[in-house]
C-alpha atoms as a PDB file:
ATOM      1  CA  UNK A   1     -26.061 -36.353   6.343  1.00  0.00           C
ATOM      2  CA  UNK A   2     -22.832 -38.178   5.871  1.00  0.00           C
ATOM      3  CA  UNK A   3     -20.049 -38.295   8.579  1.00  0.00           C
ATOM      4  CA  UNK A   4     -16.284 -39.137   7.562  1.00  0.00           C
ATOM      5  CA  UNK A   5     -13.545 -39.931   9.960  1.00  0.00           C
ATOM      6  CA  UNK A   6     -10.304 -38.301   8.891  1.00  0.00           C
ATOM      7  CA  UNK A   7      -8.593 -39.444  12.077  1.00  0.00           C
ATOM      8  CA  UNK A   8      -9.557 -40.654  15.531  1.00  0.00           C
ATOM      9  CA  UNK A   9      -6.323 -41.462  17.257  1.00  0.00           C
ATOM     10  CA  UNK A  10      -6.443 -40.695  20.990  1.00  0.00           C
ATOM     11  CA  UNK A  11      -4.097 -38.061  22.343  1.00  0.00           C
ATOM     12  CA  UNK A  12      -1.669 -37.891  19.276  1.00  0.00           C
ATOM     13  CA  UNK A  13      -1.427 -39.037  15.669  1.00  0.00           C
ATOM     14  CA  UNK A  14      -0.702 -42.771  14.947  1.00  0.00           C
ATOM     15  CA  UNK A  15       0.526 -44.386  11.826  1.00  0.00           C
ATOM     16  CA  UNK A  16      -2.352 -44.394   9.382  1.00  0.00           C
ATOM     17  CA  UNK A  17      -4.492 -42.762  11.799  1.00  0.00           C
ATOM     18  CA  UNK A  18      -4.362 -38.740  12.241  1.00  0.00           C
ATOM     19  CA  UNK A  19      -5.488 -36.903  15.432  1.00  0.00           C
ATOM     20  CA  UNK A  20      -9.111 -36.215  16.037  1.00  0.00           C
ATOM     21  CA  UNK A  21     -10.958 -34.788  12.969  1.00  0.00           C
ATOM     22  CA  UNK A  22     -14.331 -35.581  11.636  1.00  0.00           C
ATOM     23  CA  UNK A  23     -16.189 -34.181   8.512  1.00  0.00           C
ATOM     24  CA  UNK A  24     -20.031 -33.729   8.572  1.00  0.00           C
ATOM     25  CA  UNK A  25     -21.487 -33.291   4.886  1.00  0.00           C
ATOM     26  CA  UNK A  26     -24.787 -32.265   3.764  1.00  0.00           C
ATOM     27  CA  UNK A  27     -26.203 -32.112   0.271  1.00  0.00           C
ATOM     28  CA  UNK A  28     -25.534 -28.830  -1.399  1.00  0.00           C
ATOM     29  CA  UNK A  29     -23.562 -27.215   1.510  1.00  0.00           C
ATOM     30  CA  UNK A  30     -20.207 -26.733   2.514  1.00  0.00           C
ATOM     31  CA  UNK A  31     -18.721 -29.457   4.679  1.00  0.00           C
ATOM     32  CA  UNK A  32     -18.293 -28.845   8.409  1.00  0.00           C
ATOM     33  CA  UNK A  33     -15.099 -30.222  10.049  1.00  0.00           C
ATOM     34  CA  UNK A  34     -15.131 -31.091  13.637  1.00  0.00           C
ATOM     35  CA  UNK A  35     -11.746 -30.568  15.264  1.00  0.00           C
ATOM     36  CA  UNK A  36      -8.380 -30.672  13.111  1.00  0.00           C
ATOM     37  CA  UNK A  37      -5.637 -32.700  14.825  1.00  0.00           C
ATOM     38  CA  UNK A  38      -2.291 -33.681  13.582  1.00  0.00           C
ATOM     39  CA  UNK A  39      -2.505 -35.195  10.109  1.00  0.00           C
ATOM     40  CA  UNK A  40      -6.067 -34.070   9.416  1.00  0.00           C
ATOM     41  CA  UNK A  41      -5.044 -31.740   6.325  1.00  0.00           C
ATOM     42  CA  UNK A  42      -3.403 -34.524   4.499  1.00  0.00           C
ATOM     43  CA  UNK A  43      -6.328 -37.072   5.154  1.00  0.00           C
ATOM     44  CA  UNK A  44      -8.687 -34.274   4.142  1.00  0.00           C
ATOM     45  CA  UNK A  45      -6.987 -33.689   0.790  1.00  0.00           C
ATOM     46  CA  UNK A  46      -7.827 -37.210  -0.307  1.00  0.00           C
ATOM     47  CA  UNK A  47     -11.681 -36.697  -0.398  1.00  0.00           C
ATOM     48  CA  UNK A  48     -12.541 -32.999   0.284  1.00  0.00           C
ATOM     49  CA  UNK A  49     -11.603 -29.339  -0.724  1.00  0.00           C
ATOM     50  CA  UNK A  50      -9.952 -28.121   2.402  1.00  0.00           C
ATOM     51  CA  UNK A  51     -10.713 -24.618   1.391  1.00  0.00           C
ATOM     52  CA  UNK A  52     -14.509 -25.298   1.253  1.00  0.00           C
ATOM     53  CA  UNK A  53     -15.323 -26.025   4.913  1.00  0.00           C
ATOM     54  CA  UNK A  54     -16.447 -24.695   8.112  1.00  0.00           C
ATOM     55  CA  UNK A  55     -14.318 -25.478  11.148  1.00  0.00           C
ATOM     56  CA  UNK A  56     -15.676 -26.128  14.747  1.00  0.00           C
ATOM     57  CA  UNK A  57     -13.370 -26.952  17.699  1.00  0.00           C
ATOM     58  CA  UNK A  58     -14.543 -28.823  20.782  1.00  0.00           C
ATOM     59  CA  UNK A  59     -11.635 -27.560  22.465  1.00  0.00           C
ATOM     60  CA  UNK A  60      -8.051 -26.548  21.879  1.00  0.00           C
ATOM     61  CA  UNK A  61      -5.616 -29.147  22.894  1.00  0.00           C
ATOM     62  CA  UNK A  62      -2.979 -29.976  20.191  1.00  0.00           C
ATOM     63  CA  UNK A  63      -4.432 -33.248  19.274  1.00  0.00           C
ATOM     64  CA  UNK A  64      -7.689 -31.587  18.258  1.00  0.00           C
ATOM     65  CA  UNK A  65      -6.433 -28.590  16.616  1.00  0.00           C
ATOM     66  CA  UNK A  66      -2.655 -28.458  15.689  1.00  0.00           C
ATOM     67  CA  UNK A  67      -3.131 -28.831  11.856  1.00  0.00           C
ATOM     68  CA  UNK A  68      -5.136 -25.540  11.666  1.00  0.00           C
ATOM     69  CA  UNK A  69      -1.977 -23.735  11.162  1.00  0.00           C
ATOM     70  CA  UNK A  70      -1.340 -25.550   7.899  1.00  0.00           C
ATOM     71  CA  UNK A  71      -4.942 -25.236   6.896  1.00  0.00           C
ATOM     72  CA  UNK A  72      -4.478 -21.575   6.884  1.00  0.00           C
ATOM     73  CA  UNK A  73      -1.599 -21.821   4.632  1.00  0.00           C
ATOM     74  CA  UNK A  74      -3.696 -23.872   2.177  1.00  0.00           C
ATOM     75  CA  UNK A  75      -6.583 -21.582   2.243  1.00  0.00           C
ATOM     76  CA  UNK A  76      -4.245 -18.576   1.673  1.00  0.00           C
ATOM     77  CA  UNK A  77      -1.691 -19.732  -0.813  1.00  0.00           C
ATOM     78  CA  UNK A  78      -2.698 -22.820  -2.693  1.00  0.00           C
ATOM     79  CA  UNK A  79      -2.299 -21.787  -6.451  1.00  0.00           C
ATOM     80  CA  UNK A  80      -5.407 -23.386  -7.570  1.00  0.00           C
ATOM     81  CA  UNK A  81      -7.587 -24.243  -4.499  1.00  0.00           C
ATOM     82  CA  UNK A  82      -7.021 -21.266  -2.244  1.00  0.00           C
ATOM     83  CA  UNK A  83     -10.293 -19.998  -0.367  1.00  0.00           C
ATOM     84  CA  UNK A  84     -12.395 -17.816  -2.299  1.00  0.00           C
ATOM     85  CA  UNK A  85     -14.660 -16.699   0.812  1.00  0.00           C
ATOM     86  CA  UNK A  86     -14.510 -16.704   4.524  1.00  0.00           C
ATOM     87  CA  UNK A  87     -15.871 -19.691   6.284  1.00  0.00           C
ATOM     88  CA  UNK A  88     -16.939 -19.922   9.838  1.00  0.00           C
ATOM     89  CA  UNK A  89     -14.879 -21.065  12.610  1.00  0.00           C
ATOM     90  CA  UNK A  90     -16.496 -21.854  16.062  1.00  0.00           C
ATOM     91  CA  UNK A  91     -14.759 -22.735  19.171  1.00  0.00           C
ATOM     92  CA  UNK A  92     -13.684 -21.390  22.637  1.00  0.00           C
ATOM     93  CA  UNK A  93     -13.525 -17.639  22.984  1.00  0.00           C
ATOM     94  CA  UNK A  94      -9.788 -17.518  22.756  1.00  0.00           C
ATOM     95  CA  UNK A  95      -9.460 -19.513  19.593  1.00  0.00           C
ATOM     96  CA  UNK A  96      -8.344 -16.564  17.386  1.00  0.00           C
ATOM     97  CA  UNK A  97      -5.503 -15.813  19.555  1.00  0.00           C
ATOM     98  CA  UNK A  98      -4.513 -19.531  20.087  1.00  0.00           C
ATOM     99  CA  UNK A  99      -4.662 -20.348  16.314  1.00  0.00           C
ATOM    100  CA  UNK A 100      -2.939 -16.956  15.579  1.00  0.00           C
ATOM    101  CA  UNK A 101      -0.032 -18.131  17.726  1.00  0.00           C
ATOM    102  CA  UNK A 102       0.265 -21.529  16.027  1.00  0.00           C
ATOM    103  CA  UNK A 103       0.582 -19.662  12.683  1.00  0.00           C
ATOM    104  CA  UNK A 104       2.919 -16.971  14.182  1.00  0.00           C
ATOM    105  CA  UNK A 105       6.002 -15.647  12.555  1.00  0.00           C
ATOM    106  CA  UNK A 106       7.526 -15.142  15.926  1.00  0.00           C
ATOM    107  CA  UNK A 107       6.548 -14.652  19.716  1.00  0.00           C
ATOM    108  CA  UNK A 108       5.137 -11.101  19.002  1.00  0.00           C
ATOM    109  CA  UNK A 109       3.757 -11.599  15.595  1.00  0.00           C
ATOM    110  CA  UNK A 110       0.555 -13.895  15.798  1.00  0.00           C
ATOM    111  CA  UNK A 111      -1.279 -14.278  12.577  1.00  0.00           C
ATOM    112  CA  UNK A 112      -4.838 -12.588  12.008  1.00  0.00           C
ATOM    113  CA  UNK A 113      -7.198 -15.426  10.925  1.00  0.00           C
ATOM    114  CA  UNK A 114      -9.981 -12.943  10.156  1.00  0.00           C
ATOM    115  CA  UNK A 115      -9.002 -12.650   6.450  1.00  0.00           C
ATOM    116  CA  UNK A 116     -10.082 -16.318   5.814  1.00  0.00           C
ATOM    117  CA  UNK A 117     -12.339 -17.189   8.847  1.00  0.00           C
ATOM    118  CA  UNK A 118     -15.248 -15.625  10.405  1.00  0.00           C
ATOM    119  CA  UNK A 119     -14.982 -16.316  14.200  1.00  0.00           C
ATOM    120  CA  UNK A 120     -17.889 -17.208  16.655  1.00  0.00           C
ATOM    121  CA  UNK A 121     -17.323 -18.173  20.337  1.00  0.00           C
ATOM    122  CA  UNK A 122     -19.197 -21.329  21.429  1.00  0.00           C
ATOM    123  CA  UNK A 123     -21.195 -20.909  24.556  1.00  0.00           C
ATOM    124  CA  UNK A 124     -22.909 -23.815  26.404  1.00  0.00           C
ATOM    125  CA  UNK A 125     -26.452 -24.351  25.312  1.00  0.00           C
ATOM    126  CA  UNK A 126     -26.507 -21.608  22.582  1.00  0.00           C
ATOM    127  CA  UNK A 127     -27.051 -23.253  19.168  1.00  0.00           C
ATOM    128  CA  UNK A 128     -25.207 -21.773  15.919  1.00  0.00           C
ATOM    129  CA  UNK A 129     -26.619 -22.523  12.426  1.00  0.00           C
ATOM    130  CA  UNK A 130     -24.065 -23.117   9.811  1.00  0.00           C
ATOM    131  CA  UNK A 131     -25.028 -24.281   6.220  1.00  0.00           C
ATOM    132  CA  UNK A 132     -27.398 -27.191   6.618  1.00  0.00           C
ATOM    133  CA  UNK A 133     -26.882 -27.914  10.288  1.00  0.00           C
ATOM    134  CA  UNK A 134     -27.431 -26.718  13.718  1.00  0.00           C
ATOM    135  CA  UNK A 135     -24.583 -27.152  16.270  1.00  0.00           C
ATOM    136  CA  UNK A 136     -25.358 -27.021  19.980  1.00  0.00           C
ATOM    137  CA  UNK A 137     -22.281 -27.021  22.353  1.00  0.00           C
ATOM    138  CA  UNK A 138     -22.703 -28.587  25.928  1.00  0.00           C
ATOM    139  CA  UNK A 139     -19.832 -27.979  28.470  1.00  0.00           C
ATOM    140  CA  UNK A 140     -18.014 -31.188  29.562  1.00  0.00           C
ATOM    141  CA  UNK A 141     -15.350 -32.239  32.117  1.00  0.00           C
ATOM    142  CA  UNK A 142     -11.833 -31.847  30.655  1.00  0.00           C
ATOM    143  CA  UNK A 143      -8.707 -29.834  31.567  1.00  0.00           C
ATOM    144  CA  UNK A 144      -8.835 -27.720  28.410  1.00  0.00           C
ATOM    145  CA  UNK A 145     -10.512 -24.394  28.921  1.00  0.00           C
ATOM    146  CA  UNK A 146     -14.219 -24.147  27.418  1.00  0.00           C
ATOM    147  CA  UNK A 147     -14.378 -27.824  26.369  1.00  0.00           C
ATOM    148  CA  UNK A 148     -17.720 -28.828  24.812  1.00  0.00           C
ATOM    149  CA  UNK A 149     -19.476 -31.851  23.410  1.00  0.00           C
ATOM    150  CA  UNK A 150     -20.981 -30.875  19.920  1.00  0.00           C
ATOM    151  CA  UNK A 151     -24.636 -31.982  19.003  1.00  0.00           C
ATOM    152  CA  UNK A 152     -24.887 -31.651  15.057  1.00  0.00           C
ATOM    153  CA  UNK A 153     -28.444 -31.729  13.663  1.00  0.00           C
ATOM    154  CA  UNK A 154     -29.186 -31.729  10.056  1.00  0.00           C
ATOM    155  CA  UNK A 155     -31.807 -29.181   9.419  1.00  0.00           C
ATOM    156  CA  UNK A 156     -33.353 -30.790   6.379  1.00  0.00           C
ATOM    157  CA  UNK A 157     -33.924 -34.179   8.024  1.00  0.00           C
ATOM    158  CA  UNK A 158     -33.593 -33.752  11.832  1.00  0.00           C
ATOM    159  CA  UNK A 159     -30.933 -36.392  11.967  1.00  0.00           C
ATOM    160  CA  UNK A 160     -28.279 -35.848  14.806  1.00  0.00           C
ATOM    161  CA  UNK A 161     -24.649 -36.823  15.243  1.00  0.00           C
ATOM    162  CA  UNK A 162     -23.207 -36.090  18.718  1.00  0.00           C
ATOM    163  CA  UNK A 163     -19.471 -35.781  19.113  1.00  0.00           C
ATOM    164  CA  UNK A 164     -18.190 -35.720  22.867  1.00  0.00           C
ATOM    165  CA  UNK A 165     -14.860 -34.164  22.168  1.00  0.00           C
ATOM    166  CA  UNK A 166     -12.647 -35.100  25.176  1.00  0.00           C
ATOM    167  CA  UNK A 167     -14.375 -35.448  28.600  1.00  0.00           C
ATOM    168  CA  UNK A 168     -14.479 -37.450  31.727  1.00  0.00           C
ATOM    169  CA  UNK A 169     -18.062 -38.730  32.584  1.00  0.00           C
ATOM    170  CA  UNK A 170     -20.590 -36.092  33.097  1.00  0.00           C
ATOM    171  CA  UNK A 171     -24.454 -36.162  32.681  1.00  0.00           C
ATOM    172  CA  UNK A 172     -24.021 -33.287  30.104  1.00  0.00           C
ATOM    173  CA  UNK A 173     -22.840 -35.958  27.847  1.00  0.00           C
ATOM    174  CA  UNK A 174     -26.026 -37.909  27.993  1.00  0.00           C
ATOM    175  CA  UNK A 175     -27.975 -34.447  27.520  1.00  0.00           C
ATOM    176  CA  UNK A 176     -25.859 -33.857  24.447  1.00  0.00           C
ATOM    177  CA  UNK A 177     -26.502 -37.342  22.993  1.00  0.00           C
ATOM    178  CA  UNK A 178     -30.249 -37.742  23.703  1.00  0.00           C
ATOM    179  CA  UNK A 179     -31.713 -39.778  20.851  1.00  0.00           C
ATOM    180  CA  UNK A 180     -28.832 -39.143  18.495  1.00  0.00           C
ATOM    181  CA  UNK A 181     -28.666 -41.368  15.425  1.00  0.00           C
ATOM    182  CA  UNK A 182     -24.883 -41.681  15.911  1.00  0.00           C
ATOM    183  CA  UNK A 183     -22.602 -40.922  18.940  1.00  0.00           C
ATOM    184  CA  UNK A 184     -18.913 -40.378  18.308  1.00  0.00           C
ATOM    185  CA  UNK A 185     -17.596 -41.093  21.876  1.00  0.00           C
ATOM    186  CA  UNK A 186     -14.181 -40.809  23.026  1.00  0.00           C
ATOM    187  CA  UNK A 187     -12.852 -43.781  24.950  1.00  0.00           C
ATOM    188  CA  UNK A 188      -9.248 -42.803  25.721  1.00  0.00           C
ATOM    189  CA  UNK A 189      -9.057 -44.944  28.896  1.00  0.00           C
ATOM    190  CA  UNK A 190      -9.518 -48.085  27.265  1.00  0.00           C
ATOM    191  CA  UNK A 191     -11.922 -50.690  28.633  1.00  0.00           C
ATOM    192  CA  UNK A 192     -12.278 -49.173  32.186  1.00  0.00           C
ATOM    193  CA  UNK A 193     -11.311 -45.895  33.737  1.00  0.00           C
ATOM    194  CA  UNK A 194     -10.253 -47.311  37.236  1.00  0.00           C
ATOM    195  CA  UNK A 195      -7.283 -45.740  38.634  1.00  0.00           C
ATOM    196  CA  UNK A 196      -7.132 -42.922  35.889  1.00  0.00           C
ATOM    197  CA  UNK A 197      -7.367 -39.332  36.627  1.00  0.00           C
ATOM    198  CA  UNK A 198     -10.960 -37.712  36.987  1.00  0.00           C
ATOM    199  CA  UNK A 199     -12.421 -35.402  34.757  1.00  0.00           C
ATOM    200  CA  UNK A 200     -10.254 -36.041  31.748  1.00  0.00           C
ATOM    201  CA  UNK A 201     -11.262 -38.997  29.629  1.00  0.00           C
ATOM    202  CA  UNK A 202     -13.982 -41.840  29.242  1.00  0.00           C
ATOM    203  CA  UNK A 203     -13.608 -45.508  29.141  1.00  0.00           C
ATOM    204  CA  UNK A 204     -15.412 -48.054  26.816  1.00  0.00           C
ATOM    205  CA  UNK A 205     -17.677 -48.813  29.612  1.00  0.00           C
ATOM    206  CA  UNK A 206     -18.667 -45.365  30.317  1.00  0.00           C
ATOM    207  CA  UNK A 207     -19.213 -44.679  26.497  1.00  0.00           C
ATOM    208  CA  UNK A 208     -21.578 -47.609  26.530  1.00  0.00           C
ATOM    209  CA  UNK A 209     -23.465 -46.167  29.588  1.00  0.00           C
ATOM    210  CA  UNK A 210     -23.792 -42.863  27.813  1.00  0.00           C
ATOM    211  CA  UNK A 211     -25.203 -44.468  24.712  1.00  0.00           C
ATOM    212  CA  UNK A 212     -27.630 -46.554  26.735  1.00  0.00           C
ATOM    213  CA  UNK A 213     -28.921 -43.686  28.907  1.00  0.00           C
ATOM    214  CA  UNK A 214     -29.298 -41.207  25.881  1.00  0.00           C
ATOM    215  CA  UNK A 215     -30.898 -43.898  23.762  1.00  0.00           C
ATOM    216  CA  UNK A 216     -28.682 -43.404  20.716  1.00  0.00           C
ATOM    217  CA  UNK A 217     -28.894 -45.456  17.541  1.00  0.00           C
ATOM    218  CA  UNK A 218     -25.216 -46.257  17.002  1.00  0.00           C
ATOM    219  CA  UNK A 219     -22.088 -45.840  19.110  1.00  0.00           C
ATOM    220  CA  UNK A 220     -18.795 -45.187  17.443  1.00  0.00           C
ATOM    221  CA  UNK A 221     -15.703 -45.405  19.674  1.00  0.00           C
ATOM    222  CA  UNK A 222     -12.965 -42.822  19.071  1.00  0.00           C
ATOM    223  CA  UNK A 223      -9.934 -41.324  20.741  1.00  0.00           C
ATOM    224  CA  UNK A 224      -8.538 -44.758  21.670  1.00  0.00           C
ATOM    225  CA  UNK A 225      -4.952 -44.302  22.280  1.00  0.00           C
ATOM    226  CA  UNK A 226      -2.572 -46.349  20.144  1.00  0.00           C
ATOM    227  CA  UNK A 227      -1.446 -48.309  23.021  1.00  0.00           C
ATOM    228  CA  UNK A 228      -4.914 -49.384  24.167  1.00  0.00           C
ATOM    229  CA  UNK A 229      -6.885 -52.591  23.374  1.00  0.00           C
ATOM    230  CA  UNK A 230      -9.436 -51.418  20.966  1.00  0.00           C
ATOM    231  CA  UNK A 231     -11.461 -54.829  20.723  1.00  0.00           C
ATOM    232  CA  UNK A 232     -11.436 -55.015  24.764  1.00  0.00           C
ATOM    233  CA  UNK A 233     -12.604 -51.378  24.714  1.00  0.00           C
ATOM    234  CA  UNK A 234     -15.470 -52.190  22.471  1.00  0.00           C
ATOM    235  CA  UNK A 235     -16.568 -55.264  24.502  1.00  0.00           C
ATOM    236  CA  UNK A 236     -16.690 -53.044  27.585  1.00  0.00           C
ATOM    237  CA  UNK A 237     -18.961 -50.800  25.668  1.00  0.00           C
ATOM    238  CA  UNK A 238     -21.137 -53.589  24.530  1.00  0.00           C
ATOM    239  CA  UNK A 239     -21.476 -54.705  28.229  1.00  0.00           C
ATOM    240  CA  UNK A 240     -23.504 -51.424  28.906  1.00  0.00           C
ATOM    241  CA  UNK A 241     -25.141 -50.794  25.509  1.00  0.00           C
ATOM    242  CA  UNK A 242     -27.110 -53.241  23.438  1.00  0.00           C
ATOM    243  CA  UNK A 243     -27.195 -51.337  20.154  1.00  0.00           C
ATOM    244  CA  UNK A 244     -24.472 -51.318  17.445  1.00  0.00           C
ATOM    245  CA  UNK A 245     -20.956 -50.473  18.678  1.00  0.00           C
ATOM    246  CA  UNK A 246     -18.282 -49.732  16.161  1.00  0.00           C
ATOM    247  CA  UNK A 247     -14.560 -48.983  16.679  1.00  0.00           C
ATOM    248  CA  UNK A 248     -13.866 -45.788  14.581  1.00  0.00           C
ATOM    249  CA  UNK A 249     -11.215 -46.036  11.949  1.00  0.00           C
ATOM    250  CA  UNK A 250      -9.565 -43.245   9.661  1.00  0.00           C
ATOM    251  CA  UNK A 251     -11.371 -43.138   6.357  1.00  0.00           C
ATOM    252  CA  UNK A 252     -14.722 -44.754   7.793  1.00  0.00           C
ATOM    253  CA  UNK A 253     -17.792 -43.200   6.368  1.00  0.00           C
ATOM    254  CA  UNK A 254     -21.159 -43.184   8.123  1.00  0.00           C
ATOM    255  CA  UNK A 255     -24.581 -42.416   6.484  1.00  0.00           C
ATOM    256  CA  UNK A 256     -26.721 -40.853   9.113  1.00  0.00           C
END
């Protein structure tokens, strides 16, 4: 299994770093895209065919989903690379309506996504199998309705990537990450969350705690806001977790 970061900027896109979006690739199967934030489609074109991928949303804040409207255009109208089949789209129960509004022609004319995606609503603890992987959602603490961490297991090897989405500290993140080979963990609050709103985001220190308690193999810090100190955030994570800690970057590729 291979993981590619299309972008991992926190809360908004940044120069050279799109909003949250990650591609999971397994041999002989369509890619699986985890979130699709601003700038993700342009980044995806550099390495992947955007018409040949399933899409899974952790939640539907704009920094995690806004480029889906452009992906609909690509899949429907590209003169050579338009989609030739429906792919799966997983996410909150209201995703078709939300995405339809993003791609709407007007306030009363949301687009119907069922021509190009087959939708399945995520429900906490209920695994869904896509080509080559099993995805299990875990409810997390975040203001967006129906927010989940995503545990992605490659069926052929049993290898696991866990992606926290966005969340404040909650023990469901430890459950989602147990024994994961790689943990993509949001760290939007920078080194420490003291003084920040509860139930919204994690710090580097909390990311390290989750990695330690879950016994993960590698911790990759993502969703660090452009104005935060990434190296101080990594140092804070390393104070809690003695395994490998990496600051995520657009274009980074991990073999899992």
